[in-house]
PDB file of N, CA and C in Angstrom:
ATOM      1  N   MET A   1      56.194  -7.836 -75.150  1.00  0.00           N
ATOM      2  CA  MET A   1      57.516  -8.172 -75.616  1.00  0.00           C
ATOM      3  C   MET A   1      57.448  -9.088 -76.839  1.00  0.00           C
ATOM      4  N   LYS A   2      56.474  -9.982 -76.843  1.00  0.00           N
ATOM      5  CA  LYS A   2      56.314 -10.885 -77.976  1.00  0.00           C
ATOM      6  C   LYS A   2      55.952 -10.116 -79.239  1.00  0.00           C
ATOM      7  N   ARG A   3      55.138  -9.064 -79.112  1.00  0.00           N
ATOM      8  CA  ARG A   3      54.753  -8.264 -80.271  1.00  0.00           C
ATOM      9  C   ARG A   3      55.968  -7.563 -80.872  1.00  0.00           C
ATOM     10  N   LEU A   4      56.859  -7.093 -80.015  1.00  0.00           N
ATOM     11  CA  LEU A   4      58.071  -6.437 -80.491  1.00  0.00           C
ATOM     12  C   LEU A   4      58.958  -7.432 -81.250  1.00  0.00           C
ATOM     13  N   LYS A   5      59.051  -8.647 -80.733  1.00  0.00           N
ATOM     14  CA  LYS A   5      59.852  -9.671 -81.395  1.00  0.00           C
ATOM     15  C   LYS A   5      59.234 -10.049 -82.749  1.00  0.00           C
ATOM     16  N   ASP A   6      57.908 -10.178 -82.795  1.00  0.00           N
ATOM     17  CA  ASP A   6      57.231 -10.464 -84.059  1.00  0.00           C
ATOM     18  C   ASP A   6      57.415  -9.328 -85.060  1.00  0.00           C
ATOM     19  N   PHE A   7      57.372  -8.099 -84.558  1.00  0.00           N
ATOM     20  CA  PHE A   7      57.565  -6.935 -85.426  1.00  0.00           C
ATOM     21  C   PHE A   7      58.972  -6.934 -86.020  1.00  0.00           C
ATOM     22  N   ARG A   8      59.954  -7.250 -85.197  1.00  0.00           N
ATOM     23  CA  ARG A   8      61.341  -7.290 -85.689  1.00  0.00           C
ATOM     24  C   ARG A   8      61.522  -8.397 -86.723  1.00  0.00           C
ATOM     25  N   THR A   9      60.885  -9.534 -86.484  1.00  0.00           N
ATOM     26  CA  THR A   9      60.968 -10.634 -87.441  1.00  0.00           C
ATOM     27  C   THR A   9      60.332 -10.234 -88.770  1.00  0.00           C
ATOM     28  N   ALA A  10      59.174  -9.606 -88.693  1.00  0.00           N
ATOM     29  CA  ALA A  10      58.503  -9.155 -89.915  1.00  0.00           C
ATOM     30  C   ALA A  10      59.339  -8.101 -90.625  1.00  0.00           C
ATOM     31  N   LEU A  11      59.964  -7.221 -89.867  1.00  0.00           N
ATOM     32  CA  LEU A  11      60.806  -6.177 -90.453  1.00  0.00           C
ATOM     33  C   LEU A  11      62.027  -6.786 -91.145  1.00  0.00           C
ATOM     34  N   ARG A  12      62.610  -7.809 -90.545  1.00  0.00           N
ATOM     35  CA  ARG A  12      63.753  -8.484 -91.168  1.00  0.00           C
ATOM     36  C   ARG A  12      63.345  -9.164 -92.468  1.00  0.00           C
ATOM     37  N   ARG A  13      62.179  -9.805 -92.469  1.00  0.00           N
ATOM     38  CA  ARG A  13      61.692 -10.441 -93.688  1.00  0.00           C
ATOM     39  C   ARG A  13      61.459  -9.412 -94.791  1.00  0.00           C
ATOM     40  N   LEU A  14      60.871  -8.290 -94.403  1.00  0.00           N
ATOM     41  CA  LEU A  14      60.643  -7.221 -95.377  1.00  0.00           C
ATOM     42  C   LEU A  14      61.960  -6.693 -95.929  1.00  0.00           C
ATOM     43  N   ALA A  15      62.937  -6.508 -95.031  1.00  0.00           N
ATOM     44  CA  ALA A  15      64.245  -6.012 -95.478  1.00  0.00           C
ATOM     45  C   ALA A  15      64.909  -7.013 -96.421  1.00  0.00           C
ATOM     46  N   LEU A  16      64.754  -8.304 -96.149  1.00  0.00           N
ATOM     47  CA  LEU A  16      65.321  -9.321 -97.023  1.00  0.00           C
ATOM     48  C   LEU A  16      64.644  -9.307 -98.385  1.00  0.00           C
ATOM     49  N   ARG A  17      63.329  -9.156 -98.408  1.00  0.00           N
ATOM     50  CA  ARG A  17      62.604  -9.097 -99.674  1.00  0.00           C
ATOM     51  C   ARG A  17      62.981  -7.859-100.478  1.00  0.00           C
ATOM     52  N   VAL A  18      63.128  -6.728 -99.801  1.00  0.00           N
ATOM     53  CA  VAL A  18      63.517  -5.492-100.486  1.00  0.00           C
ATOM     54  C   VAL A  18      64.922  -5.632-101.050  1.00  0.00           C
ATOM     55  N   ALA A  19      65.833  -6.234-100.286  1.00  0.00           N
ATOM     56  CA  ALA A  19      67.203  -6.418-100.761  1.00  0.00           C
ATOM     57  C   ALA A  19      67.235  -7.358-101.961  1.00  0.00           C
ATOM     58  N   CYS A  20      66.423  -8.399-101.932  1.00  0.00           N
ATOM     59  CA  CYS A  20      66.367  -9.330-103.058  1.00  0.00           C
ATOM     60  C   CYS A  20      65.801  -8.638-104.301  1.00  0.00           C
ATOM     61  N   ALA A  21      64.745  -7.857-104.116  1.00  0.00           N
ATOM     62  CA  ALA A  21      64.173  -7.124-105.244  1.00  0.00           C
ATOM     63  C   ALA A  21      65.170  -6.120-105.797  1.00  0.00           C
ATOM     64  N   TYR A  22      65.900  -5.446-104.931  1.00  0.00           N
ATOM     65  CA  TYR A  22      66.913  -4.491-105.370  1.00  0.00           C
ATOM     66  C   TYR A  22      67.998  -5.204-106.179  1.00  0.00           C
ATOM     67  N   GLY A  23      68.405  -6.388-105.733  1.00  0.00           N
ATOM     68  CA  GLY A  23      69.396  -7.155-106.476  1.00  0.00           C
ATOM     69  C   GLY A  23      68.902  -7.547-107.853  1.00  0.00           C
ATOM     70  N   VAL A  24      67.634  -7.940-107.938  1.00  0.00           N
ATOM     71  CA  VAL A  24      67.073  -8.302-109.241  1.00  0.00           C
ATOM     72  C   VAL A  24      67.043  -7.092-110.166  1.00  0.00           C
ATOM     73  N   VAL A  25      66.629  -5.959-109.616  1.00  0.00           N
ATOM     74  CA  VAL A  25      66.517  -4.750-110.436  1.00  0.00           C
ATOM     75  C   VAL A  25      67.884  -4.276-110.911  1.00  0.00           C
ATOM     76  N   THR A  26      68.885  -4.334-110.056  1.00  0.00           N
ATOM     77  CA  THR A  26      70.187  -3.782-110.420  1.00  0.00           C
ATOM     78  C   THR A  26      71.105  -4.754-111.152  1.00  0.00           C
ATOM     79  N   ILE A  27      70.813  -6.051-111.070  1.00  0.00           N
ATOM     80  CA  ILE A  27      71.702  -7.025-111.713  1.00  0.00           C
ATOM     81  C   ILE A  27      71.018  -7.758-112.859  1.00  0.00           C
ATOM     82  N   ALA A  28      69.863  -8.322-112.603  1.00  0.00           N
ATOM     83  CA  ALA A  28      69.229  -9.187-113.604  1.00  0.00           C
ATOM     84  C   ALA A  28      68.678  -8.398-114.777  1.00  0.00           C
ATOM     85  N   TRP A  29      67.991  -7.299-114.530  1.00  0.00           N
ATOM     86  CA  TRP A  29      67.406  -6.542-115.637  1.00  0.00           C
ATOM     87  C   TRP A  29      68.458  -5.964-116.571  1.00  0.00           C
ATOM     88  N   PRO A  30      69.531  -5.336-116.071  1.00  0.00           N
ATOM     89  CA  PRO A  30      70.550  -4.859-117.020  1.00  0.00           C
ATOM     90  C   PRO A  30      71.201  -5.982-117.810  1.00  0.00           C
ATOM     91  N   LEU A  31      71.364  -7.155-117.222  1.00  0.00           N
ATOM     92  CA  LEU A  31      71.945  -8.272-117.968  1.00  0.00           C
ATOM     93  C   LEU A  31      71.033  -8.687-119.116  1.00  0.00           C
ATOM     94  N   ARG A  32      69.716  -8.651-118.891  1.00  0.00           N
ATOM     95  CA  ARG A  32      68.790  -8.976-119.970  1.00  0.00           C
ATOM     96  C   ARG A  32      68.872  -7.935-121.080  1.00  0.00           C
ATOM     97  N   VAL A  33      69.053  -6.687-120.719  1.00  0.00           N
ATOM     98  CA  VAL A  33      69.158  -5.638-121.730  1.00  0.00           C
ATOM     99  C   VAL A  33      70.412  -5.835-122.564  1.00  0.00           C
ATOM    100  N   PHE A  34      71.537  -6.100-121.912  1.00  0.00           N
ATOM    101  CA  PHE A  34      72.773  -6.316-122.655  1.00  0.00           C
ATOM    102  C   PHE A  34      72.690  -7.567-123.511  1.00  0.00           C
ATOM    103  N   ALA A  35      71.992  -8.583-123.036  1.00  0.00           N
ATOM    104  CA  ALA A  35      71.864  -9.812-123.809  1.00  0.00           C
ATOM    105  C   ALA A  35      71.031  -9.579-125.065  1.00  0.00           C
ATOM    106  N   SER A  36      70.047  -8.707-124.978  1.00  0.00           N
ATOM    107  CA  SER A  36      69.186  -8.489-126.139  1.00  0.00           C
ATOM    108  C   SER A  36      69.853  -7.617-127.204  1.00  0.00           C
ATOM    109  N   THR A  37      70.865  -6.852-126.846  1.00  0.00           N
ATOM    110  CA  THR A  37      71.495  -5.971-127.823  1.00  0.00           C
ATOM    111  C   THR A  37      72.611  -6.654-128.609  1.00  0.00           C
ATOM    112  N   THR A  38      72.904  -7.898-128.293  1.00  0.00           N
ATOM    113  CA  THR A  38      73.988  -8.568-129.011  1.00  0.00           C
ATOM    114  C   THR A  38      73.519  -9.177-130.326  1.00  0.00           C
ATOM    115  N   GLY A  39      72.210  -9.285-130.544  1.00  0.00           N
ATOM    116  CA  GLY A  39      71.681  -9.879-131.758  1.00  0.00           C
ATOM    117  C   GLY A  39      71.583  -8.872-132.882  1.00  0.00           C
ATOM    118  N   ILE A  40      71.008  -9.306-133.980  1.00  0.00           N
ATOM    119  CA  ILE A  40      70.817  -8.435-135.131  1.00  0.00           C
ATOM    120  C   ILE A  40      69.558  -7.610-134.895  1.00  0.00           C
ATOM    121  N   LEU A  41      69.695  -6.326-134.968  1.00  0.00           N
ATOM    122  CA  LEU A  41      68.573  -5.427-134.733  1.00  0.00           C
ATOM    123  C   LEU A  41      67.928  -5.049-136.065  1.00  0.00           C
ATOM    124  N   PRO A  42      66.658  -4.656-136.052  1.00  0.00           N
ATOM    125  CA  PRO A  42      65.972  -4.396-137.319  1.00  0.00           C
ATOM    126  C   PRO A  42      66.534  -3.211-138.102  1.00  0.00           C
ATOM    127  N   TRP A  43      67.199  -2.287-137.436  1.00  0.00           N
ATOM    128  CA  TRP A  43      67.698  -1.110-138.149  1.00  0.00           C
ATOM    129  C   TRP A  43      69.170  -1.248-138.526  1.00  0.00           C
ATOM    130  N   ASP A  44      69.772  -2.401-138.309  1.00  0.00           N
ATOM    131  CA  ASP A  44      71.173  -2.588-138.668  1.00  0.00           C
ATOM    132  C   ASP A  44      71.407  -2.523-140.176  1.00  0.00           C
ATOM    133  N   ALA A  45      70.551  -3.159-140.958  1.00  0.00           N
ATOM    134  CA  ALA A  45      70.732  -3.176-142.419  1.00  0.00           C
ATOM    135  C   ALA A  45      70.598  -1.779-143.025  1.00  0.00           C
ATOM    136  N   PRO A  46      69.562  -0.982-142.690  1.00  0.00           N
ATOM    137  CA  PRO A  46      69.495   0.365-143.258  1.00  0.00           C
ATOM    138  C   PRO A  46      70.662   1.252-142.829  1.00  0.00           C
ATOM    139  N   LEU A  47      71.100   1.115-141.579  1.00  0.00           N
ATOM    140  CA  LEU A  47      72.232   1.927-141.130  1.00  0.00           C
ATOM    141  C   LEU A  47      73.523   1.527-141.826  1.00  0.00           C
ATOM    142  N   THR A  48      73.707   0.252-142.064  1.00  0.00           N
ATOM    143  CA  THR A  48      74.896  -0.203-142.791  1.00  0.00           C
ATOM    144  C   THR A  48      74.874   0.314-144.222  1.00  0.00           C
ATOM    145  N   THR A  49      73.701   0.274-144.856  1.00  0.00           N
ATOM    146  CA  THR A  49      73.569   0.808-146.209  1.00  0.00           C
ATOM    147  C   THR A  49      73.876   2.295-146.245  1.00  0.00           C
ATOM    148  N   LEU A  50      73.339   3.032-145.297  1.00  0.00           N
ATOM    149  CA  LEU A  50      73.588   4.477-145.232  1.00  0.00           C
ATOM    150  C   LEU A  50      75.053   4.771-144.983  1.00  0.00           C
ATOM    151  N   GLN A  51      75.673   3.990-144.106  1.00  0.00           N
ATOM    152  CA  GLN A  51      77.091   4.191-143.821  1.00  0.00           C
ATOM    153  C   GLN A  51      77.949   3.909-145.054  1.00  0.00           C
ATOM    154  N   ASN A  52      77.603   2.882-145.791  1.00  0.00           N
ATOM    155  CA  ASN A  52      78.362   2.565-147.006  1.00  0.00           C
ATOM    156  C   ASN A  52      78.150   3.605-148.099  1.00  0.00           C
ATOM    157  N   ASP A  53      76.938   4.171-148.175  1.00  0.00           N
ATOM    158  CA  ASP A  53      76.660   5.174-149.208  1.00  0.00           C
ATOM    159  C   ASP A  53      77.307   6.525-148.903  1.00  0.00           C
ATOM    160  N   LEU A  54      77.486   6.831-147.631  1.00  0.00           N
ATOM    161  CA  LEU A  54      78.014   8.145-147.260  1.00  0.00           C
ATOM    162  C   LEU A  54      79.513   8.078-146.972  1.00  0.00           C
ATOM    163  N   GLN A  55      80.265   7.769-147.991  1.00  0.00           N
ATOM    164  CA  GLN A  55      81.719   7.760-147.868  1.00  0.00           C
ATOM    165  C   GLN A  55      82.312   8.665-148.927  1.00  0.00           C
ATOM    166  N   GLY A  56      83.462   9.199-148.604  1.00  0.00           N
ATOM    167  CA  GLY A  56      84.159  10.042-149.572  1.00  0.00           C
ATOM    168  C   GLY A  56      83.625  11.449-149.619  1.00  0.00           C
ATOM    169  N   PRO A  57      83.555  12.053-150.825  1.00  0.00           N
ATOM    170  CA  PRO A  57      83.157  13.448-150.957  1.00  0.00           C
ATOM    171  C   PRO A  57      81.705  13.695-150.538  1.00  0.00           C
ATOM    172  N   VAL A  58      80.839  12.692-150.703  1.00  0.00           N
ATOM    173  CA  VAL A  58      79.441  12.863-150.291  1.00  0.00           C
ATOM    174  C   VAL A  58      79.366  13.062-148.786  1.00  0.00           C
ATOM    175  N   ALA A  59      80.117  12.275-148.050  1.00  0.00           N
ATOM    176  CA  ALA A  59      80.118  12.398-146.595  1.00  0.00           C
ATOM    177  C   ALA A  59      80.652  13.756-146.162  1.00  0.00           C
ATOM    178  N   HIS A  60      81.702  14.231-146.820  1.00  0.00           N
ATOM    179  CA  HIS A  60      82.274  15.533-146.470  1.00  0.00           C
ATOM    180  C   HIS A  60      81.288  16.654-146.767  1.00  0.00           C
ATOM    181  N   ALA A  61      80.591  16.590-147.871  1.00  0.00           N
ATOM    182  CA  ALA A  61      79.623  17.633-148.225  1.00  0.00           C
ATOM    183  C   ALA A  61      78.456  17.651-147.243  1.00  0.00           C
ATOM    184  N   ILE A  62      77.938  16.482-146.897  1.00  0.00           N
ATOM    185  CA  ILE A  62      76.819  16.434-145.962  1.00  0.00           C
ATOM    186  C   ILE A  62      77.250  16.893-144.571  1.00  0.00           C
ATOM    187  N   THR A  63      78.420  16.475-144.141  1.00  0.00           N
ATOM    188  CA  THR A  63      78.919  16.890-142.833  1.00  0.00           C
ATOM    189  C   THR A  63      79.148  18.383-142.777  1.00  0.00           C
ATOM    190  N   THR A  64      79.750  18.933-143.809  1.00  0.00           N
ATOM    191  CA  THR A  64      80.002  20.370-143.846  1.00  0.00           C
ATOM    192  C   THR A  64      78.703  21.156-143.853  1.00  0.00           C
ATOM    193  N   SER A  65      77.737  20.732-144.660  1.00  0.00           N
ATOM    194  CA  SER A  65      76.464  21.456-144.697  1.00  0.00           C
ATOM    195  C   SER A  65      75.715  21.318-143.375  1.00  0.00           C
ATOM    196  N   ALA A  66      75.822  20.179-142.713  1.00  0.00           N
ATOM    197  CA  ALA A  66      75.172  20.008-141.416  1.00  0.00           C
ATOM    198  C   ALA A  66      75.798  20.912-140.367  1.00  0.00           C
ATOM    199  N   ILE A  67      77.111  21.038-140.379  1.00  0.00           N
ATOM    200  CA  ILE A  67      77.792  21.917-139.422  1.00  0.00           C
ATOM    201  C   ILE A  67      77.441  23.371-139.685  1.00  0.00           C
ATOM    202  N   ILE A  68      77.455  23.766-140.949  1.00  0.00           N
ATOM    203  CA  ILE A  68      77.110  25.158-141.288  1.00  0.00           C
ATOM    204  C   ILE A  68      75.655  25.453-140.944  1.00  0.00           C
ATOM    205  N   GLY A  69      74.747  24.534-141.270  1.00  0.00           N
ATOM    206  CA  GLY A  69      73.333  24.733-140.948  1.00  0.00           C
ATOM    207  C   GLY A  69      73.091  24.813-139.457  1.00  0.00           C
ATOM    208  N   THR A  70      73.758  23.971-138.691  1.00  0.00           N
ATOM    209  CA  THR A  70      73.616  24.015-137.237  1.00  0.00           C
ATOM    210  C   THR A  70      74.150  25.328-136.682  1.00  0.00           C
ATOM    211  N   GLY A  71      75.265  25.786-137.199  1.00  0.00           N
ATOM    212  CA  GLY A  71      75.820  27.063-136.739  1.00  0.00           C
ATOM    213  C   GLY A  71      74.907  28.230-137.053  1.00  0.00           C
ATOM    214  N   ILE A  72      74.330  28.228-138.238  1.00  0.00           N
ATOM    215  CA  ILE A  72      73.410  29.314-138.602  1.00  0.00           C
ATOM    216  C   ILE A  72      72.172  29.283-137.719  1.00  0.00           C
ATOM    217  N   LEU A  73      71.600  28.120-137.541  1.00  0.00           N
ATOM    218  CA  LEU A  73      70.421  28.017-136.679  1.00  0.00           C
ATOM    219  C   LEU A  73      70.729  28.426-135.247  1.00  0.00           C
ATOM    220  N   TRP A  74      71.891  28.074-134.762  1.00  0.00           N
ATOM    221  CA  TRP A  74      72.259  28.447-133.397  1.00  0.00           C
ATOM    222  C   TRP A  74      72.482  29.957-133.288  1.00  0.00           C
ATOM    223  N   SER A  75      73.053  30.544-134.330  1.00  0.00           N
ATOM    224  CA  SER A  75      73.362  31.972-134.260  1.00  0.00           C
ATOM    225  C   SER A  75      72.116  32.850-134.351  1.00  0.00           C
ATOM    226  N   VAL A  76      71.063  32.408-135.024  1.00  0.00           N
ATOM    227  CA  VAL A  76      69.874  33.235-135.157  1.00  0.00           C
ATOM    228  C   VAL A  76      68.818  32.917-134.104  1.00  0.00           C
ATOM    229  N   SER A  77      69.041  31.894-133.281  1.00  0.00           N
ATOM    230  CA  SER A  77      68.066  31.557-132.247  1.00  0.00           C
ATOM    231  C   SER A  77      68.256  32.445-131.029  1.00  0.00           C
ATOM    232  N   GLU A  78      67.229  32.495-130.205  1.00  0.00           N
ATOM    233  CA  GLU A  78      67.317  33.309-128.990  1.00  0.00           C
ATOM    234  C   GLU A  78      68.030  32.507-127.921  1.00  0.00           C
ATOM    235  N   HIS A  79      68.965  33.171-127.272  1.00  0.00           N
ATOM    236  CA  HIS A  79      69.719  32.556-126.199  1.00  0.00           C
ATOM    237  C   HIS A  79      69.298  33.207-124.903  1.00  0.00           C
ATOM    238  N   VAL A  80      68.184  32.748-124.370  1.00  0.00           N
ATOM    239  CA  VAL A  80      67.641  33.330-123.139  1.00  0.00           C
ATOM    240  C   VAL A  80      67.982  32.409-121.989  1.00  0.00           C
ATOM    241  N   ARG A  81      68.495  32.988-120.958  1.00  0.00           N
ATOM    242  CA  ARG A  81      68.818  32.204-119.782  1.00  0.00           C
ATOM    243  C   ARG A  81      67.647  32.274-118.819  1.00  0.00           C
ATOM    244  N   HIS A  82      67.101  31.136-118.513  1.00  0.00           N
ATOM    245  CA  HIS A  82      65.960  31.077-117.612  1.00  0.00           C
ATOM    246  C   HIS A  82      66.473  30.878-116.196  1.00  0.00           C
ATOM    247  N   VAL A  83      66.132  31.793-115.337  1.00  0.00           N
ATOM    248  CA  VAL A  83      66.559  31.725-113.943  1.00  0.00           C
ATOM    249  C   VAL A  83      65.321  31.408-113.111  1.00  0.00           C
ATOM    250  N   GLY A  84      65.441  30.409-112.274  1.00  0.00           N
ATOM    251  CA  GLY A  84      64.320  30.020-111.419  1.00  0.00           C
ATOM    252  C   GLY A  84      63.967  31.127-110.435  1.00  0.00           C
ATOM    253  N   ALA A  85      62.679  31.291-110.213  1.00  0.00           N
ATOM    254  CA  ALA A  85      62.215  32.351-109.302  1.00  0.00           C
ATOM    255  C   ALA A  85      62.277  31.896-107.871  1.00  0.00           C
TER     256      ALA A  85
END
Protein backbone atom coordinates (compact mmCIF):
# COMPACT_ATOMS: atom_id res chain seq x y z
CA MET A 1 0.00 0.00 0.00
CA LYS A 2 2.89 2.34 0.75
CA ARG A 3 4.33 1.75 -2.74
CA LEU A 4 1.02 2.74 -4.31
CA LYS A 5 0.93 5.93 -2.24
CA ASP A 6 4.53 6.76 -3.22
CA PHE A 7 3.69 6.09 -6.87
CA ARG A 8 0.71 8.45 -6.71
CA THR A 9 2.84 11.13 -5.09
CA ALA A 10 5.49 10.76 -7.77
CA LEU A 11 2.81 10.85 -10.46
CA ARG A 12 1.35 14.06 -9.02
CA ARG A 13 4.79 15.67 -8.98
CA LEU A 14 5.35 14.64 -12.57
CA ALA A 15 1.95 16.01 -13.58
CA LEU A 16 2.76 19.30 -11.84
CA ARG A 17 6.10 19.56 -13.63
CA VAL A 18 4.51 18.78 -17.00
CA ALA A 19 1.80 21.38 -16.39
CA CYS A 20 4.41 23.97 -15.44
CA ALA A 21 6.48 23.19 -18.53
CA TYR A 22 3.36 23.40 -20.70
CA GLY A 23 2.58 26.81 -19.21
CA VAL A 24 6.08 28.04 -19.96
CA VAL A 25 5.91 26.77 -23.53
CA THR A 26 2.48 28.22 -24.27
CA ILE A 27 2.79 31.54 -22.43
CA ALA A 28 6.38 32.61 -21.85
CA TRP A 29 7.92 31.69 -25.20
CA PRO A 30 5.30 33.45 -27.35
CA LEU A 31 5.61 36.56 -25.18
CA ARG A 32 9.36 36.61 -25.84
CA VAL A 33 8.71 36.31 -29.56
CA PHE A 34 6.25 39.20 -29.55
CA ALA A 35 8.64 41.27 -27.44
CA SER A 36 11.46 40.77 -29.92
CA THR A 37 9.40 41.87 -32.93
CA THR A 38 8.62 45.31 -31.54
CA GLY A 39 12.16 46.63 -32.15
CA ILE A 40 13.84 47.74 -35.34
CA LEU A 41 14.61 44.76 -37.52
CA PRO A 42 17.57 44.62 -39.92
CA TRP A 43 15.39 44.44 -43.03
CA ASP A 44 13.14 47.38 -42.13
CA ALA A 45 15.28 50.00 -43.91
CA PRO A 46 15.54 48.13 -47.26
CA LEU A 47 11.82 47.34 -47.22
CA THR A 48 10.95 50.96 -46.49
CA THR A 49 13.19 52.08 -49.35
CA LEU A 50 11.58 49.57 -51.70
CA GLN A 51 8.11 50.61 -50.60
CA ASN A 52 8.89 54.27 -51.20
CA ASP A 53 10.42 53.56 -54.62
CA LEU A 54 7.50 51.45 -55.82
CA GLN A 55 4.73 54.02 -55.85
CA GLY A 56 2.65 55.32 -58.68
CA PRO A 57 2.98 54.02 -62.25
CA VAL A 58 6.04 51.89 -61.41
CA ALA A 59 4.06 49.96 -58.82
CA HIS A 60 1.17 49.44 -61.24
CA ALA A 61 3.48 48.17 -63.99
CA ILE A 62 5.29 45.75 -61.69
CA THR A 63 2.05 44.50 -60.17
CA THR A 64 0.43 44.00 -63.55
CA SER A 65 3.44 42.16 -64.96
CA ALA A 66 3.62 39.97 -61.84
CA ILE A 67 -0.05 39.04 -62.16
CA ILE A 68 0.26 38.31 -65.88
CA GLY A 69 3.46 36.29 -65.36
CA THR A 70 1.89 34.28 -62.56
CA GLY A 71 -1.17 33.57 -64.69
CA ILE A 72 0.93 32.42 -67.62
CA LEU A 73 3.08 30.18 -65.46
CA TRP A 74 0.00 28.70 -63.82
CA SER A 75 -1.71 28.10 -67.15
CA VAL A 76 1.22 26.22 -68.73
CA SER A 77 2.07 24.13 -65.65
CA GLU A 78 0.77 20.63 -65.11
CA HIS A 79 -2.20 20.38 -62.82
CA VAL A 80 -1.98 16.80 -61.62
CA ARG A 81 -4.02 15.71 -58.70
CA HIS A 82 -2.15 13.28 -56.52
CA VAL A 83 -4.41 10.77 -54.84
CA GLY A 84 -3.02 8.73 -51.98
CA ALA A 85 -2.88 4.99 -52.59
